Amino acid sequence: MTDTAPARRGLLVPSLAALIALLVLLSLGTWQIERRAWKHSLLTIISLRLAAPPGPLPAPDAWARLEAGDLEFRRVAFRAELQHDQEALVFTSGSALRPDVSGHGYWVFTPARLPGGGTVVVNRGFVPEGRQDPRKRPEGQVAGPVEIVGMLRPPEARGLFTPADNPGKNLWFVRDPLAMAAAKNWGTVAPFFVDQEGPLPPGGLPRAGAITPKLPDNHLQYAITWYGLAAVLVAVFAAWLRSRRRERLSTNSG
């Protein structure tokens, strides 16, 4: 009896540490499974919204009540007049959702005046490096009201390592129409922007286009990894327990 009590106390701390590590690994694996289900649901919603015919733009008096989840990738069609002399450029190194966009360039964000009042910021599309000056693409500066088809997008969040915007050079690094409006004195704008699908401008720039809903989906692989590590931990701990037991039996028999 006196020999087994110290041995059990010697197992307490390793056993607790192993149990905590096991719970953490299992929790991480389960979280990845839940994230996979959430992402598949999100992709289904996005695909349905992109396949739907365009609807009307939310009315300005409803803008304050809009939720980001209700906006994402909803297709709209509306008539507006683009203010080309007020455009803002957002740097991009390519797009995971636009396979036709690659390499360094810029998204052209332009405020658009609605006939009944209000301003919506439109991402008119991509221009490659060297074509950001509107004087090098004058055909795309269409005057007068135009019928715009696109999809609603909430403002983009700034990442931890995102460079600071440079309004003095008309250069931005996040797609945030509210920040652009404040810096460029556009006045009150919609709390979303519109990714333009069409019409395609004369001259081809900015390059508007539809997006392809592709999101990385490695969650099952990550879940298998975490669950596999949990299984390895159990096997290693069991082997360690057997080793300790053999040592104790050998000591007692000696």
C-alpha atoms as a PDB file:
ATOM      1  CA  MET A   1       0.000   0.000   0.000  1.00  0.00           C
ATOM      2  CA  THR A   2       2.811   2.418   0.907  1.00  0.00           C
ATOM      3  CA  ASP A   3       4.488   1.773  -2.472  1.00  0.00           C
ATOM      4  CA  THR A   4       1.423   2.437  -4.583  1.00  0.00           C
ATOM      5  CA  ALA A   5       0.486   5.810  -3.020  1.00  0.00           C
ATOM      6  CA  PRO A   6       3.657   7.668  -4.161  1.00  0.00           C
ATOM      7  CA  ALA A   7       3.398   6.006  -7.561  1.00  0.00           C
ATOM      8  CA  ARG A   8      -0.159   7.248  -7.982  1.00  0.00           C
ATOM      9  CA  ARG A   9       0.835  10.747  -6.902  1.00  0.00           C
ATOM     10  CA  GLY A  10       3.618  10.627  -9.474  1.00  0.00           C
ATOM     11  CA  LEU A  11       1.053   9.890 -12.158  1.00  0.00           C
ATOM     12  CA  LEU A  12      -1.314  12.728 -11.207  1.00  0.00           C
ATOM     13  CA  VAL A  13       0.468  15.673 -12.861  1.00  0.00           C
ATOM     14  CA  PRO A  14       1.338  13.842 -16.140  1.00  0.00           C
ATOM     15  CA  SER A  15      -2.208  12.475 -16.329  1.00  0.00           C
ATOM     16  CA  LEU A  16      -3.773  15.909 -15.856  1.00  0.00           C
ATOM     17  CA  ALA A  17      -1.418  17.448 -18.428  1.00  0.00           C
ATOM     18  CA  ALA A  18      -2.240  14.698 -20.923  1.00  0.00           C
ATOM     19  CA  LEU A  19      -5.972  15.065 -20.293  1.00  0.00           C
ATOM     20  CA  ILE A  20      -5.857  18.835 -20.843  1.00  0.00           C
ATOM     21  CA  ALA A  21      -3.827  18.394 -24.041  1.00  0.00           C
ATOM     22  CA  LEU A  22      -6.285  15.738 -25.256  1.00  0.00           C
ATOM     23  CA  LEU A  23      -9.278  17.987 -24.615  1.00  0.00           C
ATOM     24  CA  VAL A  24      -7.587  20.853 -26.461  1.00  0.00           C
ATOM     25  CA  LEU A  25      -6.796  18.681 -29.489  1.00  0.00           C
ATOM     26  CA  LEU A  26     -10.322  17.248 -29.605  1.00  0.00           C
ATOM     27  CA  SER A  27     -11.798  20.740 -29.281  1.00  0.00           C
ATOM     28  CA  LEU A  28      -9.677  21.999 -32.177  1.00  0.00           C
ATOM     29  CA  GLY A  29     -10.751  19.082 -34.346  1.00  0.00           C
ATOM     30  CA  THR A  30     -14.415  19.622 -33.519  1.00  0.00           C
ATOM     31  CA  TRP A  31     -14.080  23.350 -34.187  1.00  0.00           C
ATOM     32  CA  GLN A  32     -12.706  22.612 -37.659  1.00  0.00           C
ATOM     33  CA  ILE A  33     -15.658  20.305 -38.379  1.00  0.00           C
ATOM     34  CA  GLU A  34     -18.051  23.061 -37.302  1.00  0.00           C
ATOM     35  CA  ARG A  35     -16.165  25.604 -39.420  1.00  0.00           C
ATOM     36  CA  ARG A  36     -16.428  23.254 -42.422  1.00  0.00           C
ATOM     37  CA  ALA A  37     -20.202  22.991 -42.001  1.00  0.00           C
ATOM     38  CA  TRP A  38     -20.471  26.779 -41.656  1.00  0.00           C
ATOM     39  CA  LYS A  39     -18.375  27.358 -44.782  1.00  0.00           C
ATOM     40  CA  HIS A  40     -20.382  24.893 -46.849  1.00  0.00           C
ATOM     41  CA  SER A  41     -23.573  26.649 -45.745  1.00  0.00           C
ATOM     42  CA  LEU A  42     -22.040  30.014 -46.658  1.00  0.00           C
ATOM     43  CA  LEU A  43     -21.018  28.770 -50.106  1.00  0.00           C
ATOM     44  CA  THR A  44     -24.542  27.504 -50.694  1.00  0.00           C
ATOM     45  CA  ILE A  45     -26.008  30.887 -49.752  1.00  0.00           C
ATOM     46  CA  ILE A  46     -23.499  32.733 -51.949  1.00  0.00           C
ATOM     47  CA  SER A  47     -24.177  30.457 -54.921  1.00  0.00           C
ATOM     48  CA  LEU A  48     -27.930  30.950 -54.581  1.00  0.00           C
ATOM     49  CA  ARG A  49     -27.571  34.728 -54.339  1.00  0.00           C
ATOM     50  CA  LEU A  50     -25.259  34.942 -57.331  1.00  0.00           C
ATOM     51  CA  ALA A  51     -27.600  32.771 -59.408  1.00  0.00           C
ATOM     52  CA  ALA A  52     -30.629  34.919 -58.568  1.00  0.00           C
ATOM     53  CA  PRO A  53     -31.751  37.706 -60.917  1.00  0.00           C
ATOM     54  CA  PRO A  54     -30.753  41.203 -59.780  1.00  0.00           C
ATOM     55  CA  GLY A  55     -33.198  42.984 -57.512  1.00  0.00           C
ATOM     56  CA  PRO A  56     -33.646  46.651 -56.632  1.00  0.00           C
ATOM     57  CA  LEU A  57     -31.040  48.559 -54.669  1.00  0.00           C
ATOM     58  CA  PRO A  58     -31.942  49.024 -50.977  1.00  0.00           C
ATOM     59  CA  ALA A  59     -33.635  52.392 -50.495  1.00  0.00           C
ATOM     60  CA  PRO A  60     -31.576  55.082 -48.711  1.00  0.00           C
ATOM     61  CA  ASP A  61     -34.040  55.209 -45.813  1.00  0.00           C
ATOM     62  CA  ALA A  62     -33.286  51.515 -45.110  1.00  0.00           C
ATOM     63  CA  TRP A  63     -29.498  51.788 -45.199  1.00  0.00           C
ATOM     64  CA  ALA A  64     -29.094  52.294 -41.453  1.00  0.00           C
ATOM     65  CA  ARG A  65     -30.928  49.026 -40.723  1.00  0.00           C
ATOM     66  CA  LEU A  66     -28.933  46.798 -43.070  1.00  0.00           C
ATOM     67  CA  GLU A  67     -26.881  43.920 -41.693  1.00  0.00           C
ATOM     68  CA  ALA A  68     -23.635  42.765 -43.302  1.00  0.00           C
ATOM     69  CA  GLY A  69     -24.947  39.207 -43.690  1.00  0.00           C
ATOM     70  CA  ASP A  70     -27.961  40.463 -45.615  1.00  0.00           C
ATOM     71  CA  LEU A  71     -25.758  42.399 -48.026  1.00  0.00           C
ATOM     72  CA  GLU A  72     -23.046  39.977 -49.041  1.00  0.00           C
ATOM     73  CA  PHE A  73     -23.261  38.992 -52.722  1.00  0.00           C
ATOM     74  CA  ARG A  74     -26.868  40.082 -53.293  1.00  0.00           C
ATOM     75  CA  ARG A  75     -27.250  41.066 -56.938  1.00  0.00           C
ATOM     76  CA  VAL A  76     -28.829  44.427 -57.693  1.00  0.00           C
ATOM     77  CA  ALA A  77     -29.658  46.554 -60.718  1.00  0.00           C
ATOM     78  CA  PHE A  78     -30.061  50.329 -60.559  1.00  0.00           C
ATOM     79  CA  ARG A  79     -29.646  53.524 -62.507  1.00  0.00           C
ATOM     80  CA  ALA A  80     -27.069  56.085 -61.394  1.00  0.00           C
ATOM     81  CA  GLU A  81     -24.643  58.699 -62.657  1.00  0.00           C
ATOM     82  CA  LEU A  82     -20.989  57.955 -61.993  1.00  0.00           C
ATOM     83  CA  GLN A  83     -18.837  60.818 -60.711  1.00  0.00           C
ATOM     84  CA  HIS A  84     -15.659  59.927 -62.589  1.00  0.00           C
ATOM     85  CA  ASP A  85     -13.688  62.932 -61.358  1.00  0.00           C
ATOM     86  CA  GLN A  86     -14.029  61.607 -57.794  1.00  0.00           C
ATOM     87  CA  GLU A  87     -12.782  58.042 -58.269  1.00  0.00           C
ATOM     88  CA  ALA A  88     -10.536  56.359 -55.682  1.00  0.00           C
ATOM     89  CA  LEU A  89      -7.993  53.613 -56.317  1.00  0.00           C
ATOM     90  CA  VAL A  90      -7.640  50.524 -54.119  1.00  0.00           C
ATOM     91  CA  PHE A  91      -4.430  48.547 -54.585  1.00  0.00           C
ATOM     92  CA  THR A  92      -4.756  44.811 -55.219  1.00  0.00           C
ATOM     93  CA  SER A  93      -2.309  42.025 -55.986  1.00  0.00           C
ATOM     94  CA  GLY A  94      -5.019  39.864 -57.543  1.00  0.00           C
ATOM     95  CA  SER A  95      -8.378  38.404 -56.632  1.00  0.00           C
ATOM     96  CA  ALA A  96      -9.329  34.928 -55.434  1.00  0.00           C
ATOM     97  CA  LEU A  97     -12.928  35.619 -56.510  1.00  0.00           C
ATOM     98  CA  ARG A  98     -12.123  37.035 -59.954  1.00  0.00           C
ATOM     99  CA  PRO A  99     -10.073  34.534 -62.002  1.00  0.00           C
ATOM    100  CA  ASP A 100      -9.775  37.129 -64.767  1.00  0.00           C
ATOM    101  CA  VAL A 101      -7.878  39.471 -62.418  1.00  0.00           C
ATOM    102  CA  SER A 102      -4.213  38.743 -61.745  1.00  0.00           C
ATOM    103  CA  GLY A 103      -1.103  40.726 -61.010  1.00  0.00           C
ATOM    104  CA  HIS A 104      -0.750  44.105 -59.354  1.00  0.00           C
ATOM    105  CA  GLY A 105      -3.322  46.728 -60.146  1.00  0.00           C
ATOM    106  CA  TYR A 106      -6.180  48.744 -58.725  1.00  0.00           C
ATOM    107  CA  TRP A 107      -9.909  48.582 -58.111  1.00  0.00           C
ATOM    108  CA  VAL A 108     -11.587  51.756 -59.308  1.00  0.00           C
ATOM    109  CA  PHE A 109     -14.125  52.976 -56.732  1.00  0.00           C
ATOM    110  CA  THR A 110     -16.464  55.706 -57.956  1.00  0.00           C
ATOM    111  CA  PRO A 111     -19.353  57.454 -56.197  1.00  0.00           C
ATOM    112  CA  ALA A 112     -22.622  57.138 -58.117  1.00  0.00           C
ATOM    113  CA  ARG A 113     -25.527  59.579 -57.677  1.00  0.00           C
ATOM    114  CA  LEU A 114     -28.960  57.969 -57.516  1.00  0.00           C
ATOM    115  CA  PRO A 115     -31.869  59.684 -59.321  1.00  0.00           C
ATOM    116  CA  GLY A 116     -33.922  59.985 -56.135  1.00  0.00           C
ATOM    117  CA  GLY A 117     -31.005  61.189 -54.014  1.00  0.00           C
ATOM    118  CA  GLY A 118     -28.262  59.364 -52.193  1.00  0.00           C
ATOM    119  CA  THR A 119     -24.834  58.131 -53.225  1.00  0.00           C
ATOM    120  CA  VAL A 120     -23.674  54.565 -53.691  1.00  0.00           C
ATOM    121  CA  VAL A 121     -20.005  53.753 -54.162  1.00  0.00           C
ATOM    122  CA  VAL A 122     -19.358  51.395 -57.079  1.00  0.00           C
ATOM    123  CA  ASN A 123     -16.304  49.224 -57.571  1.00  0.00           C
ATOM    124  CA  ARG A 124     -16.227  49.588 -61.332  1.00  0.00           C
ATOM    125  CA  GLY A 125     -13.542  46.937 -61.772  1.00  0.00           C
ATOM    126  CA  PHE A 126      -9.835  46.351 -62.216  1.00  0.00           C
ATOM    127  CA  VAL A 127      -7.151  48.358 -63.985  1.00  0.00           C
ATOM    128  CA  PRO A 128      -3.599  46.986 -64.264  1.00  0.00           C
ATOM    129  CA  GLU A 129      -0.517  48.792 -63.029  1.00  0.00           C
ATOM    130  CA  GLY A 130       0.251  51.684 -65.343  1.00  0.00           C
ATOM    131  CA  ARG A 131      -3.385  52.327 -66.282  1.00  0.00           C
ATOM    132  CA  GLN A 132      -4.577  53.835 -63.000  1.00  0.00           C
ATOM    133  CA  ASP A 133      -4.520  57.366 -64.445  1.00  0.00           C
ATOM    134  CA  PRO A 134      -8.016  57.937 -65.917  1.00  0.00           C
ATOM    135  CA  ARG A 135      -6.446  59.941 -68.746  1.00  0.00           C
ATOM    136  CA  LYS A 136      -5.005  56.650 -70.022  1.00  0.00           C
ATOM    137  CA  ARG A 137      -8.477  55.072 -70.234  1.00  0.00           C
ATOM    138  CA  PRO A 138     -10.819  57.912 -71.272  1.00  0.00           C
ATOM    139  CA  GLU A 139     -13.207  55.596 -73.135  1.00  0.00           C
ATOM    140  CA  GLY A 140     -14.327  54.112 -69.823  1.00  0.00           C
ATOM    141  CA  GLN A 141     -15.429  57.464 -68.387  1.00  0.00           C
ATOM    142  CA  VAL A 142     -19.004  57.188 -69.626  1.00  0.00           C
ATOM    143  CA  ALA A 143     -21.026  60.364 -68.985  1.00  0.00           C
ATOM    144  CA  GLY A 144     -24.656  60.505 -67.894  1.00  0.00           C
ATOM    145  CA  PRO A 145     -26.860  57.975 -66.091  1.00  0.00           C
ATOM    146  CA  VAL A 146     -26.093  54.307 -66.714  1.00  0.00           C
ATOM    147  CA  GLU A 147     -27.805  51.049 -65.765  1.00  0.00           C
ATOM    148  CA  ILE A 148     -25.496  49.228 -63.368  1.00  0.00           C
ATOM    149  CA  VAL A 149     -25.723  45.550 -62.473  1.00  0.00           C
ATOM    150  CA  GLY A 150     -23.630  44.255 -59.614  1.00  0.00           C
ATOM    151  CA  MET A 151     -23.557  42.708 -56.178  1.00  0.00           C
ATOM    152  CA  LEU A 152     -23.656  44.247 -52.748  1.00  0.00           C
ATOM    153  CA  ARG A 153     -20.579  43.991 -50.537  1.00  0.00           C
ATOM    154  CA  PRO A 154     -20.035  45.267 -46.983  1.00  0.00           C
ATOM    155  CA  PRO A 155     -16.953  47.389 -46.248  1.00  0.00           C
ATOM    156  CA  GLU A 156     -13.743  45.395 -46.076  1.00  0.00           C
ATOM    157  CA  ALA A 157     -12.116  45.075 -42.654  1.00  0.00           C
ATOM    158  CA  ARG A 158      -8.557  46.292 -42.252  1.00  0.00           C
ATOM    159  CA  GLY A 159      -6.069  43.537 -41.430  1.00  0.00           C
ATOM    160  CA  LEU A 160      -3.340  43.768 -38.823  1.00  0.00           C
ATOM    161  CA  PHE A 161      -0.607  44.208 -41.425  1.00  0.00           C
ATOM    162  CA  THR A 162      -2.582  46.229 -43.988  1.00  0.00           C
ATOM    163  CA  PRO A 163      -0.682  49.398 -44.974  1.00  0.00           C
ATOM    164  CA  ALA A 164      -2.169  52.754 -44.082  1.00  0.00           C
ATOM    165  CA  ASP A 165      -4.214  54.452 -46.800  1.00  0.00           C
ATOM    166  CA  ASN A 166      -2.716  57.475 -48.526  1.00  0.00           C
ATOM    167  CA  PRO A 167      -5.581  59.812 -49.489  1.00  0.00           C
ATOM    168  CA  GLY A 168      -3.049  62.433 -50.658  1.00  0.00           C
ATOM    169  CA  LYS A 169      -2.033  60.057 -53.440  1.00  0.00           C
ATOM    170  CA  ASN A 170      -5.586  58.745 -53.878  1.00  0.00           C
ATOM    171  CA  LEU A 171      -4.332  55.322 -52.826  1.00  0.00           C
ATOM    172  CA  TRP A 172      -6.243  52.915 -50.575  1.00  0.00           C
ATOM    173  CA  PHE A 173      -5.567  49.424 -49.322  1.00  0.00           C
ATOM    174  CA  VAL A 174      -9.008  48.326 -48.092  1.00  0.00           C
ATOM    175  CA  ARG A 175     -12.335  48.500 -49.879  1.00  0.00           C
ATOM    176  CA  ASP A 176     -14.065  50.768 -47.396  1.00  0.00           C
ATOM    177  CA  PRO A 177     -16.411  53.272 -49.050  1.00  0.00           C
ATOM    178  CA  LEU A 178     -17.103  55.063 -45.769  1.00  0.00           C
ATOM    179  CA  ALA A 179     -13.413  55.830 -45.215  1.00  0.00           C
ATOM    180  CA  MET A 180     -13.065  57.007 -48.829  1.00  0.00           C
ATOM    181  CA  ALA A 181     -16.129  59.230 -48.533  1.00  0.00           C
ATOM    182  CA  ALA A 182     -14.812  60.836 -45.353  1.00  0.00           C
ATOM    183  CA  ALA A 183     -11.380  61.526 -46.851  1.00  0.00           C
ATOM    184  CA  LYS A 184     -12.635  62.733 -50.252  1.00  0.00           C
ATOM    185  CA  ASN A 185     -15.679  64.692 -49.010  1.00  0.00           C
ATOM    186  CA  TRP A 186     -18.214  62.626 -50.899  1.00  0.00           C
ATOM    187  CA  GLY A 187     -20.811  63.309 -48.234  1.00  0.00           C
ATOM    188  CA  THR A 188     -23.103  60.581 -46.918  1.00  0.00           C
ATOM    189  CA  VAL A 189     -22.801  57.315 -48.836  1.00  0.00           C
ATOM    190  CA  ALA A 190     -24.392  53.877 -48.551  1.00  0.00           C
ATOM    191  CA  PRO A 191     -22.856  51.597 -45.890  1.00  0.00           C
ATOM    192  CA  PHE A 192     -21.948  49.125 -48.639  1.00  0.00           C
ATOM    193  CA  PHE A 193     -20.404  49.175 -52.069  1.00  0.00           C
ATOM    194  CA  VAL A 194     -21.437  47.511 -55.317  1.00  0.00           C
ATOM    195  CA  ASP A 195     -19.078  45.215 -57.239  1.00  0.00           C
ATOM    196  CA  GLN A 196     -20.046  46.007 -60.821  1.00  0.00           C
ATOM    197  CA  GLU A 197     -20.738  43.127 -63.205  1.00  0.00           C
ATOM    198  CA  GLY A 198     -21.935  45.252 -66.089  1.00  0.00           C
ATOM    199  CA  PRO A 199     -22.175  47.018 -68.334  1.00  0.00           C
ATOM    200  CA  LEU A 200     -18.640  46.587 -69.578  1.00  0.00           C
ATOM    201  CA  PRO A 201     -17.220  50.042 -70.326  1.00  0.00           C
ATOM    202  CA  PRO A 202     -15.998  51.066 -73.768  1.00  0.00           C
ATOM    203  CA  GLY A 203     -12.294  50.338 -74.064  1.00  0.00           C
ATOM    204  CA  GLY A 204     -12.486  47.495 -71.549  1.00  0.00           C
ATOM    205  CA  LEU A 205     -11.243  49.426 -68.500  1.00  0.00           C
ATOM    206  CA  PRO A 206     -12.004  49.325 -65.667  1.00  0.00           C
ATOM    207  CA  ARG A 207     -12.536  45.583 -66.099  1.00  0.00           C
ATOM    208  CA  ALA A 208     -15.887  44.759 -64.509  1.00  0.00           C
ATOM    209  CA  GLY A 209     -17.023  41.177 -64.131  1.00  0.00           C
ATOM    210  CA  ALA A 210     -18.829  38.558 -62.095  1.00  0.00           C
ATOM    211  CA  ILE A 211     -17.137  36.808 -59.210  1.00  0.00           C
ATOM    212  CA  THR A 212     -16.641  33.091 -58.695  1.00  0.00           C
ATOM    213  CA  PRO A 213     -17.508  31.951 -55.158  1.00  0.00           C
ATOM    214  CA  LYS A 214     -14.337  30.129 -54.152  1.00  0.00           C
ATOM    215  CA  LEU A 215     -13.296  29.921 -50.530  1.00  0.00           C
ATOM    216  CA  PRO A 216     -10.444  27.777 -49.170  1.00  0.00           C
ATOM    217  CA  ASP A 217     -11.853  24.612 -47.616  1.00  0.00           C
ATOM    218  CA  ASN A 218      -9.099  22.785 -45.745  1.00  0.00           C
ATOM    219  CA  HIS A 219     -11.120  22.269 -42.572  1.00  0.00           C
ATOM    220  CA  LEU A 220     -11.539  18.492 -42.950  1.00  0.00           C
ATOM    221  CA  GLN A 221      -7.794  18.107 -43.415  1.00  0.00           C
ATOM    222  CA  TYR A 222      -7.152  20.219 -40.320  1.00  0.00           C
ATOM    223  CA  ALA A 223      -9.736  18.257 -38.317  1.00  0.00           C
ATOM    224  CA  ILE A 224      -8.117  14.953 -39.265  1.00  0.00           C
ATOM    225  CA  THR A 225      -4.750  16.390 -38.209  1.00  0.00           C
ATOM    226  CA  TRP A 226      -6.018  17.466 -34.776  1.00  0.00           C
ATOM    227  CA  TYR A 227      -7.866  14.192 -34.187  1.00  0.00           C
ATOM    228  CA  GLY A 228      -4.803  12.278 -35.347  1.00  0.00           C
ATOM    229  CA  LEU A 229      -2.620  14.146 -32.872  1.00  0.00           C
ATOM    230  CA  ALA A 230      -5.147  13.311 -30.152  1.00  0.00           C
ATOM    231  CA  ALA A 231      -4.902   9.612 -31.060  1.00  0.00           C
ATOM    232  CA  VAL A 232      -1.089   9.792 -31.015  1.00  0.00           C
ATOM    233  CA  LEU A 233      -1.193  11.466 -27.598  1.00  0.00           C
ATOM    234  CA  VAL A 234      -3.408   8.665 -26.222  1.00  0.00           C
ATOM    235  CA  ALA A 235      -1.099   5.986 -27.668  1.00  0.00           C
ATOM    236  CA  VAL A 236       2.053   7.656 -26.326  1.00  0.00           C
ATOM    237  CA  PHE A 237       0.533   8.166 -22.882  1.00  0.00           C
ATOM    238  CA  ALA A 238      -0.677   4.563 -22.744  1.00  0.00           C
ATOM    239  CA  ALA A 239       2.798   3.322 -23.684  1.00  0.00           C
ATOM    240  CA  TRP A 240       4.292   5.551 -21.000  1.00  0.00           C
ATOM    241  CA  LEU A 241       1.871   4.123 -18.394  1.00  0.00           C
ATOM    242  CA  ARG A 242       2.789   0.568 -19.400  1.00  0.00           C
ATOM    243  CA  SER A 243       6.459   1.442 -19.093  1.00  0.00           C
ATOM    244  CA  ARG A 244       5.955   2.909 -15.633  1.00  0.00           C
ATOM    245  CA  ARG A 245       3.984  -0.171 -14.559  1.00  0.00           C
ATOM    246  CA  ARG A 246       6.736  -2.508 -15.758  1.00  0.00           C
ATOM    247  CA  GLU A 247       9.324  -0.462 -13.888  1.00  0.00           C
ATOM    248  CA  ARG A 248       7.268  -0.607 -10.683  1.00  0.00           C
ATOM    249  CA  LEU A 249       6.715  -4.333 -10.988  1.00  0.00           C
ATOM    250  CA  SER A 250      10.414  -4.879 -11.618  1.00  0.00           C
ATOM    251  CA  THR A 251      11.335  -2.789  -8.579  1.00  0.00           C
ATOM    252  CA  ASN A 252       8.861  -4.593  -6.346  1.00  0.00           C
ATOM    253  CA  SER A 253      10.007  -8.030  -7.512  1.00  0.00           C
ATOM    254  CA  GLY A 254      13.639  -7.098  -6.910  1.00  0.00           C
END
